[in-house]
Full PDB file with SEQRES, HELIX, SHEET, SSBOND, CRYST1, ORIGX, SCALE, CONECT and MASTER records, all heavy atoms in Angstrom:
SEQRES   1 A   33  ILE ASP THR MET ILE PRO TRP LEU LEU LYS ALA PRO PRO          
SEQRES   2 A   33  THR PRO GLU ASP ARG ASN THR PRO LEU ASN LYS VAL HIS          
SEQRES   3 A   33  MET GLN PRO LEU PRO ASP SER                                  
HELIX    1 AA1 MET A    4  LYS A   10  1                                   7    
CRYST1    1.000    1.000    1.000  90.00  90.00  90.00 P 1           1          
ORIGX1      1.000000  0.000000  0.000000        0.00000                         
ORIGX2      0.000000  1.000000  0.000000        0.00000                         
ORIGX3      0.000000  0.000000  1.000000        0.00000                         
SCALE1      1.000000  0.000000  0.000000        0.00000                         
SCALE2      0.000000  1.000000  0.000000        0.00000                         
SCALE3      0.000000  0.000000  1.000000        0.00000                         
ATOM      1  N   ILE A   1      21.129 -49.486  73.428  1.00  0.00           N  
ATOM      2  CA  ILE A   1      22.469 -50.049  73.447  1.00  0.00           C  
ATOM      3  C   ILE A   1      23.427 -49.024  74.044  1.00  0.00           C  
ATOM      4  O   ILE A   1      23.075 -47.866  74.274  1.00  0.00           O  
ATOM      5  CB  ILE A   1      22.920 -50.499  72.048  1.00  0.00           C  
ATOM      6  CG1 ILE A   1      22.964 -49.308  71.080  1.00  0.00           C  
ATOM      7  CG2 ILE A   1      22.018 -51.598  71.524  1.00  0.00           C  
ATOM      8  CD1 ILE A   1      23.561 -49.656  69.734  1.00  0.00           C  
ATOM      9  N   ASP A   2      24.640 -49.450  74.236  1.00  0.00           N  
ATOM     10  CA  ASP A   2      25.606 -48.752  75.085  1.00  0.00           C  
ATOM     11  C   ASP A   2      25.701 -47.249  74.873  1.00  0.00           C  
ATOM     12  O   ASP A   2      25.449 -46.466  75.784  1.00  0.00           O  
ATOM     13  CB  ASP A   2      26.983 -49.388  74.879  1.00  0.00           C  
ATOM     14  CG  ASP A   2      28.051 -48.746  75.735  1.00  0.00           C  
ATOM     15  OD1 ASP A   2      28.015 -48.950  76.947  1.00  0.00           O  
ATOM     16  OD2 ASP A   2      28.895 -48.028  75.176  1.00  0.00           O  
ATOM     17  N   THR A   3      26.052 -46.800  73.668  1.00  0.00           N  
ATOM     18  CA  THR A   3      26.334 -45.381  73.488  1.00  0.00           C  
ATOM     19  C   THR A   3      25.089 -44.504  73.512  1.00  0.00           C  
ATOM     20  O   THR A   3      25.193 -43.296  73.716  1.00  0.00           O  
ATOM     21  CB  THR A   3      27.072 -45.146  72.154  1.00  0.00           C  
ATOM     22  OG1 THR A   3      26.352 -45.788  71.091  1.00  0.00           O  
ATOM     23  CG2 THR A   3      28.475 -45.696  72.208  1.00  0.00           C  
ATOM     24  N   MET A   4      23.916 -45.091  73.298  1.00  0.00           N  
ATOM     25  CA  MET A   4      22.689 -44.297  73.343  1.00  0.00           C  
ATOM     26  C   MET A   4      22.479 -43.681  74.726  1.00  0.00           C  
ATOM     27  O   MET A   4      21.962 -42.567  74.851  1.00  0.00           O  
ATOM     28  CB  MET A   4      21.472 -45.178  73.009  1.00  0.00           C  
ATOM     29  CG  MET A   4      21.443 -45.725  71.596  1.00  0.00           C  
ATOM     30  SD  MET A   4      19.999 -46.810  71.411  1.00  0.00           S  
ATOM     31  CE  MET A   4      20.124 -47.246  69.671  1.00  0.00           C  
ATOM     32  N   ILE A   5      22.876 -44.407  75.754  1.00  0.00           N  
ATOM     33  CA  ILE A   5      22.564 -43.983  77.120  1.00  0.00           C  
ATOM     34  C   ILE A   5      23.318 -42.717  77.515  1.00  0.00           C  
ATOM     35  O   ILE A   5      22.695 -41.733  77.946  1.00  0.00           O  
ATOM     36  CB  ILE A   5      22.829 -45.158  78.091  1.00  0.00           C  
ATOM     37  CG1 ILE A   5      21.898 -46.327  77.738  1.00  0.00           C  
ATOM     38  CG2 ILE A   5      22.632 -44.725  79.542  1.00  0.00           C  
ATOM     39  CD1 ILE A   5      22.333 -47.654  78.285  1.00  0.00           C  
ATOM     40  N   PRO A   6      24.650 -42.650  77.377  1.00  0.00           N  
ATOM     41  CA  PRO A   6      25.330 -41.379  77.698  1.00  0.00           C  
ATOM     42  C   PRO A   6      24.899 -40.232  76.797  1.00  0.00           C  
ATOM     43  O   PRO A   6      24.866 -39.081  77.235  1.00  0.00           O  
ATOM     44  CB  PRO A   6      26.812 -41.709  77.518  1.00  0.00           C  
ATOM     45  CG  PRO A   6      26.867 -42.969  76.736  1.00  0.00           C  
ATOM     46  CD  PRO A   6      25.621 -43.720  77.062  1.00  0.00           C  
ATOM     47  N   TRP A   7      24.547 -40.534  75.523  1.00  0.00           N  
ATOM     48  CA  TRP A   7      24.075 -39.465  74.639  1.00  0.00           C  
ATOM     49  C   TRP A   7      22.781 -38.861  75.172  1.00  0.00           C  
ATOM     50  O   TRP A   7      22.612 -37.636  75.175  1.00  0.00           O  
ATOM     51  CB  TRP A   7      23.853 -40.004  73.228  1.00  0.00           C  
ATOM     52  CG  TRP A   7      25.120 -40.313  72.484  1.00  0.00           C  
ATOM     53  CD1 TRP A   7      26.376 -39.859  72.752  1.00  0.00           C  
ATOM     54  CD2 TRP A   7      25.252 -41.163  71.339  1.00  0.00           C  
ATOM     55  NE1 TRP A   7      27.282 -40.365  71.852  1.00  0.00           N  
ATOM     56  CE2 TRP A   7      26.629 -41.165  70.974  1.00  0.00           C  
ATOM     57  CE3 TRP A   7      24.358 -41.926  70.587  1.00  0.00           C  
ATOM     58  CZ2 TRP A   7      27.108 -41.902  69.887  1.00  0.00           C  
ATOM     59  CZ3 TRP A   7      24.840 -42.651  69.509  1.00  0.00           C  
ATOM     60  CH2 TRP A   7      26.200 -42.636  69.173  1.00  0.00           C  
ATOM     61  N   LEU A   8      21.862 -39.702  75.635  1.00  0.00           N  
ATOM     62  CA  LEU A   8      20.604 -39.189  76.173  1.00  0.00           C  
ATOM     63  C   LEU A   8      20.824 -38.453  77.491  1.00  0.00           C  
ATOM     64  O   LEU A   8      20.175 -37.434  77.761  1.00  0.00           O  
ATOM     65  CB  LEU A   8      19.609 -40.334  76.370  1.00  0.00           C  
ATOM     66  CG  LEU A   8      19.086 -40.994  75.084  1.00  0.00           C  
ATOM     67  CD1 LEU A   8      18.252 -42.228  75.419  1.00  0.00           C  
ATOM     68  CD2 LEU A   8      18.258 -40.019  74.256  1.00  0.00           C  
ATOM     69  N   LEU A   9      21.750 -38.937  78.308  1.00  0.00           N  
ATOM     70  CA  LEU A   9      22.007 -38.288  79.596  1.00  0.00           C  
ATOM     71  C   LEU A   9      22.718 -36.952  79.443  1.00  0.00           C  
ATOM     72  O   LEU A   9      22.636 -36.098  80.329  1.00  0.00           O  
ATOM     73  CB  LEU A   9      22.839 -39.214  80.490  1.00  0.00           C  
ATOM     74  CG  LEU A   9      22.094 -40.400  81.110  1.00  0.00           C  
ATOM     75  CD1 LEU A   9      23.078 -41.345  81.801  1.00  0.00           C  
ATOM     76  CD2 LEU A   9      21.039 -39.913  82.116  1.00  0.00           C  
ATOM     77  N   LYS A  10      23.423 -36.768  78.324  1.00  0.00           N  
ATOM     78  CA  LYS A  10      24.140 -35.501  78.112  1.00  0.00           C  
ATOM     79  C   LYS A  10      23.205 -34.323  77.843  1.00  0.00           C  
ATOM     80  O   LYS A  10      23.595 -33.162  78.014  1.00  0.00           O  
ATOM     81  CB  LYS A  10      25.113 -35.647  76.941  1.00  0.00           C  
ATOM     82  CG  LYS A  10      26.414 -36.350  77.300  1.00  0.00           C  
ATOM     83  CD  LYS A  10      27.345 -36.394  76.093  1.00  0.00           C  
ATOM     84  CE  LYS A  10      28.663 -37.062  76.436  1.00  0.00           C  
ATOM     85  NZ  LYS A  10      29.577 -37.114  75.255  1.00  0.00           N  
ATOM     86  N   ALA A  11      21.987 -34.594  77.399  1.00  0.00           N  
ATOM     87  CA  ALA A  11      21.051 -33.507  77.115  1.00  0.00           C  
ATOM     88  C   ALA A  11      20.723 -32.759  78.396  1.00  0.00           C  
ATOM     89  O   ALA A  11      20.608 -33.362  79.472  1.00  0.00           O  
ATOM     90  CB  ALA A  11      19.771 -34.066  76.500  1.00  0.00           C  
ATOM     91  N   PRO A  12      20.587 -31.443  78.349  1.00  0.00           N  
ATOM     92  CA  PRO A  12      20.264 -30.675  79.559  1.00  0.00           C  
ATOM     93  C   PRO A  12      18.955 -31.144  80.178  1.00  0.00           C  
ATOM     94  O   PRO A  12      17.965 -31.371  79.456  1.00  0.00           O  
ATOM     95  CB  PRO A  12      20.135 -29.229  79.041  1.00  0.00           C  
ATOM     96  CG  PRO A  12      20.907 -29.217  77.754  1.00  0.00           C  
ATOM     97  CD  PRO A  12      20.744 -30.577  77.158  1.00  0.00           C  
ATOM     98  N   PRO A  13      18.900 -31.326  81.488  1.00  0.00           N  
ATOM     99  CA  PRO A  13      17.655 -31.756  82.149  1.00  0.00           C  
ATOM    100  C   PRO A  13      16.538 -30.739  81.940  1.00  0.00           C  
ATOM    101  O   PRO A  13      16.788 -29.529  81.841  1.00  0.00           O  
ATOM    102  CB  PRO A  13      18.048 -31.841  83.626  1.00  0.00           C  
ATOM    103  CG  PRO A  13      19.540 -31.957  83.626  1.00  0.00           C  
ATOM    104  CD  PRO A  13      20.017 -31.182  82.433  1.00  0.00           C  
ATOM    105  N   THR A  14      15.302 -31.243  81.850  1.00  0.00           N  
ATOM    106  CA  THR A  14      14.128 -30.380  81.736  1.00  0.00           C  
ATOM    107  C   THR A  14      13.054 -30.895  82.691  1.00  0.00           C  
ATOM    108  O   THR A  14      13.075 -32.068  83.082  1.00  0.00           O  
ATOM    109  CB  THR A  14      13.559 -30.378  80.301  1.00  0.00           C  
ATOM    110  OG1 THR A  14      12.865 -31.617  80.068  1.00  0.00           O  
ATOM    111  CG2 THR A  14      14.654 -30.186  79.263  1.00  0.00           C  
ATOM    112  N   PRO A  15      12.073 -30.056  83.044  1.00  0.00           N  
ATOM    113  CA  PRO A  15      10.977 -30.520  83.918  1.00  0.00           C  
ATOM    114  C   PRO A  15      10.140 -31.621  83.285  1.00  0.00           C  
ATOM    115  O   PRO A  15       9.408 -32.324  83.986  1.00  0.00           O  
ATOM    116  CB  PRO A  15      10.146 -29.240  84.113  1.00  0.00           C  
ATOM    117  CG  PRO A  15      11.083 -28.119  83.836  1.00  0.00           C  
ATOM    118  CD  PRO A  15      12.009 -28.612  82.772  1.00  0.00           C  
ATOM    119  N   GLU A  16      10.242 -31.773  81.941  1.00  0.00           N  
ATOM    120  CA  GLU A  16       9.438 -32.773  81.235  1.00  0.00           C  
ATOM    121  C   GLU A  16      10.120 -34.127  81.135  1.00  0.00           C  
ATOM    122  O   GLU A  16       9.557 -35.055  80.531  1.00  0.00           O  
ATOM    123  CB  GLU A  16       9.117 -32.265  79.821  1.00  0.00           C  
ATOM    124  CG  GLU A  16       8.197 -31.066  79.785  1.00  0.00           C  
ATOM    125  CD  GLU A  16       6.835 -31.408  80.388  1.00  0.00           C  
ATOM    126  OE1 GLU A  16       6.197 -32.360  79.909  1.00  0.00           O  
ATOM    127  OE2 GLU A  16       6.437 -30.721  81.346  1.00  0.00           O  
ATOM    128  N   ASP A  17      11.315 -34.273  81.674  1.00  0.00           N  
ATOM    129  CA  ASP A  17      12.066 -35.518  81.489  1.00  0.00           C  
ATOM    130  C   ASP A  17      11.273 -36.749  81.925  1.00  0.00           C  
ATOM    131  O   ASP A  17      11.362 -37.805  81.300  1.00  0.00           O  
ATOM    132  CB  ASP A  17      13.389 -35.466  82.249  1.00  0.00           C  
ATOM    133  CG  ASP A  17      14.449 -34.668  81.500  1.00  0.00           C  
ATOM    134  OD1 ASP A  17      14.235 -34.360  80.314  1.00  0.00           O  
ATOM    135  OD2 ASP A  17      15.491 -34.349  82.101  1.00  0.00           O  
ATOM    136  N   ARG A  18      10.530 -36.639  83.017  1.00  0.00           N  
ATOM    137  CA  ARG A  18       9.773 -37.799  83.510  1.00  0.00           C  
ATOM    138  C   ARG A  18       8.384 -37.895  82.899  1.00  0.00           C  
ATOM    139  O   ARG A  18       7.671 -38.868  83.152  1.00  0.00           O  
ATOM    140  CB  ARG A  18       9.627 -37.741  85.033  1.00  0.00           C  
ATOM    141  CG  ARG A  18      10.801 -38.294  85.784  1.00  0.00           C  
ATOM    142  CD  ARG A  18      10.333 -38.806  87.139  1.00  0.00           C  
ATOM    143  NE  ARG A  18      11.455 -39.149  88.001  1.00  0.00           N  
ATOM    144  CZ  ARG A  18      11.312 -39.688  89.200  1.00  0.00           C  
ATOM    145  NH1 ARG A  18      10.106 -39.924  89.673  1.00  0.00           N  
ATOM    146  NH2 ARG A  18      12.366 -39.989  89.927  1.00  0.00           N  
ATOM    147  N   ASN A  19       8.019 -36.929  82.126  1.00  0.00           N  
ATOM    148  CA  ASN A  19       6.668 -36.917  81.545  1.00  0.00           C  
ATOM    149  C   ASN A  19       6.652 -37.754  80.262  1.00  0.00           C  
ATOM    150  O   ASN A  19       6.467 -37.250  79.163  1.00  0.00           O  
ATOM    151  CB  ASN A  19       6.237 -35.479  81.254  1.00  0.00           C  
ATOM    152  CG  ASN A  19       4.768 -35.382  80.906  1.00  0.00           C  
ATOM    153  OD1 ASN A  19       3.960 -36.206  81.348  1.00  0.00           O  
ATOM    154  ND2 ASN A  19       4.417 -34.389  80.107  1.00  0.00           N  
ATOM    155  N   THR A  20       6.847 -39.046  80.417  1.00  0.00           N  
ATOM    156  CA  THR A  20       6.951 -39.955  79.284  1.00  0.00           C  
ATOM    157  C   THR A  20       6.334 -41.298  79.653  1.00  0.00           C  
ATOM    158  O   THR A  20       6.418 -41.720  80.819  1.00  0.00           O  
ATOM    159  CB  THR A  20       8.429 -40.146  78.870  1.00  0.00           C  
ATOM    160  OG1 THR A  20       8.541 -41.302  78.036  1.00  0.00           O  
ATOM    161  CG2 THR A  20       9.323 -40.350  80.069  1.00  0.00           C  
ATOM    162  N   PRO A  21       5.730 -42.000  78.696  1.00  0.00           N  
ATOM    163  CA  PRO A  21       5.135 -43.310  78.993  1.00  0.00           C  
ATOM    164  C   PRO A  21       6.145 -44.446  79.041  1.00  0.00           C  
ATOM    165  O   PRO A  21       5.789 -45.573  79.400  1.00  0.00           O  
ATOM    166  CB  PRO A  21       4.152 -43.506  77.831  1.00  0.00           C  
ATOM    167  CG  PRO A  21       4.752 -42.749  76.696  1.00  0.00           C  
ATOM    168  CD  PRO A  21       5.410 -41.549  77.323  1.00  0.00           C  
ATOM    169  N   LEU A  22       7.408 -44.190  78.690  1.00  0.00           N  
ATOM    170  CA  LEU A  22       8.400 -45.257  78.636  1.00  0.00           C  
ATOM    171  C   LEU A  22       8.697 -45.758  80.049  1.00  0.00           C  
ATOM    172  O   LEU A  22       9.210 -45.016  80.886  1.00  0.00           O  
ATOM    173  CB  LEU A  22       9.683 -44.753  77.979  1.00  0.00           C  
ATOM    174  CG  LEU A  22      10.756 -45.807  77.691  1.00  0.00           C  
ATOM    175  CD1 LEU A  22      10.255 -46.839  76.684  1.00  0.00           C  
ATOM    176  CD2 LEU A  22      12.034 -45.148  77.178  1.00  0.00           C  
ATOM    177  N   ASN A  23       8.379 -47.024  80.321  1.00  0.00           N  
ATOM    178  CA  ASN A  23       8.604 -47.555  81.668  1.00  0.00           C  
ATOM    179  C   ASN A  23       9.424 -48.837  81.706  1.00  0.00           C  
ATOM    180  O   ASN A  23       9.854 -49.265  82.762  1.00  0.00           O  
ATOM    181  CB  ASN A  23       7.261 -47.768  82.391  1.00  0.00           C  
ATOM    182  CG  ASN A  23       6.366 -48.775  81.676  1.00  0.00           C  
ATOM    183  OD1 ASN A  23       6.562 -49.981  81.755  1.00  0.00           O  
ATOM    184  ND2 ASN A  23       5.344 -48.274  80.983  1.00  0.00           N  
ATOM    185  N   LYS A  24       9.663 -49.468  80.553  1.00  0.00           N  
ATOM    186  CA  LYS A  24      10.459 -50.710  80.485  1.00  0.00           C  
ATOM    187  C   LYS A  24      11.542 -50.540  79.429  1.00  0.00           C  
ATOM    188  O   LYS A  24      11.244 -50.348  78.259  1.00  0.00           O  
ATOM    189  CB  LYS A  24       9.571 -51.892  80.103  1.00  0.00           C  
ATOM    190  CG  LYS A  24       8.529 -52.272  81.131  1.00  0.00           C  
ATOM    191  CD  LYS A  24       7.612 -53.361  80.617  1.00  0.00           C  
ATOM    192  CE  LYS A  24       6.580 -52.819  79.650  1.00  0.00           C  
ATOM    193  NZ  LYS A  24       5.573 -51.965  80.263  1.00  0.00           N  
ATOM    194  N   VAL A  25      12.806 -50.617  79.836  1.00  0.00           N  
ATOM    195  CA  VAL A  25      13.921 -50.454  78.905  1.00  0.00           C  
ATOM    196  C   VAL A  25      14.909 -51.594  79.112  1.00  0.00           C  
ATOM    197  O   VAL A  25      15.276 -51.907  80.246  1.00  0.00           O  
ATOM    198  CB  VAL A  25      14.625 -49.094  79.102  1.00  0.00           C  
ATOM    199  CG1 VAL A  25      15.864 -49.012  78.222  1.00  0.00           C  
ATOM    200  CG2 VAL A  25      13.680 -47.946  78.758  1.00  0.00           C  
ATOM    201  N   HIS A  26      15.322 -52.195  78.010  1.00  0.00           N  
ATOM    202  CA  HIS A  26      16.359 -53.232  78.083  1.00  0.00           C  
ATOM    203  C   HIS A  26      17.709 -52.581  77.819  1.00  0.00           C  
ATOM    204  O   HIS A  26      17.876 -51.853  76.837  1.00  0.00           O  
ATOM    205  CB  HIS A  26      16.100 -54.333  77.054  1.00  0.00           C  
ATOM    206  CG  HIS A  26      17.031 -55.500  77.206  1.00  0.00           C  
ATOM    207  ND1 HIS A  26      16.907 -56.419  78.224  1.00  0.00           N  
ATOM    208  CD2 HIS A  26      18.119 -55.889  76.471  1.00  0.00           C  
ATOM    209  CE1 HIS A  26      17.859 -57.335  78.117  1.00  0.00           C  
ATOM    210  NE2 HIS A  26      18.617 -57.027  77.053  1.00  0.00           N  
ATOM    211  N   MET A  27      18.680 -52.850  78.688  1.00  0.00           N  
ATOM    212  CA  MET A  27      20.036 -52.328  78.542  1.00  0.00           C  
ATOM    213  C   MET A  27      21.010 -53.496  78.662  1.00  0.00           C  
ATOM    214  O   MET A  27      20.993 -54.203  79.677  1.00  0.00           O  
ATOM    215  CB  MET A  27      20.348 -51.292  79.619  1.00  0.00           C  
ATOM    216  CG  MET A  27      19.466 -50.064  79.582  1.00  0.00           C  
ATOM    217  SD  MET A  27      19.946 -48.872  80.887  1.00  0.00           S  
ATOM    218  CE  MET A  27      18.699 -47.597  80.645  1.00  0.00           C  
ATOM    219  N   GLN A  28      21.803 -53.685  77.655  1.00  0.00           N  
ATOM    220  CA  GLN A  28      22.738 -54.815  77.664  1.00  0.00           C  
ATOM    221  C   GLN A  28      24.049 -54.383  77.032  1.00  0.00           C  
ATOM    222  O   GLN A  28      24.063 -54.071  75.839  1.00  0.00           O  
ATOM    223  CB  GLN A  28      22.125 -55.985  76.889  1.00  0.00           C  
ATOM    224  CG  GLN A  28      22.879 -57.286  77.009  1.00  0.00           C  
ATOM    225  CD  GLN A  28      22.131 -58.440  76.339  1.00  0.00           C  
ATOM    226  OE1 GLN A  28      20.960 -58.679  76.618  1.00  0.00           O  
ATOM    227  NE2 GLN A  28      22.803 -59.121  75.446  1.00  0.00           N  
ATOM    228  N   PRO A  29      25.133 -54.345  77.804  1.00  0.00           N  
ATOM    229  CA  PRO A  29      25.238 -54.672  79.223  1.00  0.00           C  
ATOM    230  C   PRO A  29      24.647 -53.581  80.108  1.00  0.00           C  
ATOM    231  O   PRO A  29      24.463 -52.448  79.662  1.00  0.00           O  
ATOM    232  CB  PRO A  29      26.748 -54.785  79.425  1.00  0.00           C  
ATOM    233  CG  PRO A  29      27.319 -53.837  78.427  1.00  0.00           C  
ATOM    234  CD  PRO A  29      26.428 -53.940  77.223  1.00  0.00           C  
ATOM    235  N   LEU A  30      24.388 -53.926  81.352  1.00  0.00           N  
ATOM    236  CA  LEU A  30      23.836 -52.958  82.298  1.00  0.00           C  
ATOM    237  C   LEU A  30      24.879 -51.895  82.608  1.00  0.00           C  
ATOM    238  O   LEU A  30      25.957 -52.215  83.096  1.00  0.00           O  
ATOM    239  CB  LEU A  30      23.402 -53.663  83.581  1.00  0.00           C  
ATOM    240  CG  LEU A  30      22.664 -52.792  84.595  1.00  0.00           C  
ATOM    241  CD1 LEU A  30      21.285 -52.421  84.073  1.00  0.00           C  
ATOM    242  CD2 LEU A  30      22.543 -53.516  85.931  1.00  0.00           C  
ATOM    243  N   PRO A  31      24.600 -50.608  82.346  1.00  0.00           N  
ATOM    244  CA  PRO A  31      25.598 -49.562  82.594  1.00  0.00           C  
ATOM    245  C   PRO A  31      25.599 -49.121  84.052  1.00  0.00           C  
ATOM    246  O   PRO A  31      24.622 -49.317  84.786  1.00  0.00           O  
ATOM    247  CB  PRO A  31      25.125 -48.427  81.685  1.00  0.00           C  
ATOM    248  CG  PRO A  31      23.626 -48.584  81.656  1.00  0.00           C  
ATOM    249  CD  PRO A  31      23.376 -50.077  81.718  1.00  0.00           C  
ATOM    250  N   ASP A  32      26.702 -48.513  84.447  1.00  0.00           N  
ATOM    251  CA  ASP A  32      26.776 -47.962  85.806  1.00  0.00           C  
ATOM    252  C   ASP A  32      25.718 -46.884  86.023  1.00  0.00           C  
ATOM    253  O   ASP A  32      25.310 -46.629  87.156  1.00  0.00           O  
ATOM    254  CB  ASP A  32      28.167 -47.374  86.060  1.00  0.00           C  
ATOM    255  CG  ASP A  32      29.253 -48.437  86.072  1.00  0.00           C  
ATOM    256  OD1 ASP A  32      28.941 -49.600  86.368  1.00  0.00           O  
ATOM    257  OD2 ASP A  32      30.414 -48.105  85.767  1.00  0.00           O  
ATOM    258  N   SER A  33      25.277 -46.259  84.937  1.00  0.00           N  
ATOM    259  CA  SER A  33      24.357 -45.119  85.037  1.00  0.00           C  
ATOM    260  C   SER A  33      22.887 -45.531  85.001  1.00  0.00           C  
ATOM    261  O   SER A  33      22.020 -44.680  84.806  1.00  0.00           O  
ATOM    262  CB  SER A  33      24.629 -44.146  83.882  1.00  0.00           C  
ATOM    263  OG  SER A  33      24.491 -44.804  82.627  1.00  0.00           O  
TER     264      SER A  33                                                      
MASTER        0    0    0    1    0    0    0    6  263    1    0    3          
END                                                                             
């Protein structure tokens, strides 16, 4: 949901960010980010 997305994006990037099995996410409403 809405506020989860900026909270997750605020975390400092790491080389492991893409090393995750999560491939389908529902976002409602669709954020600009």
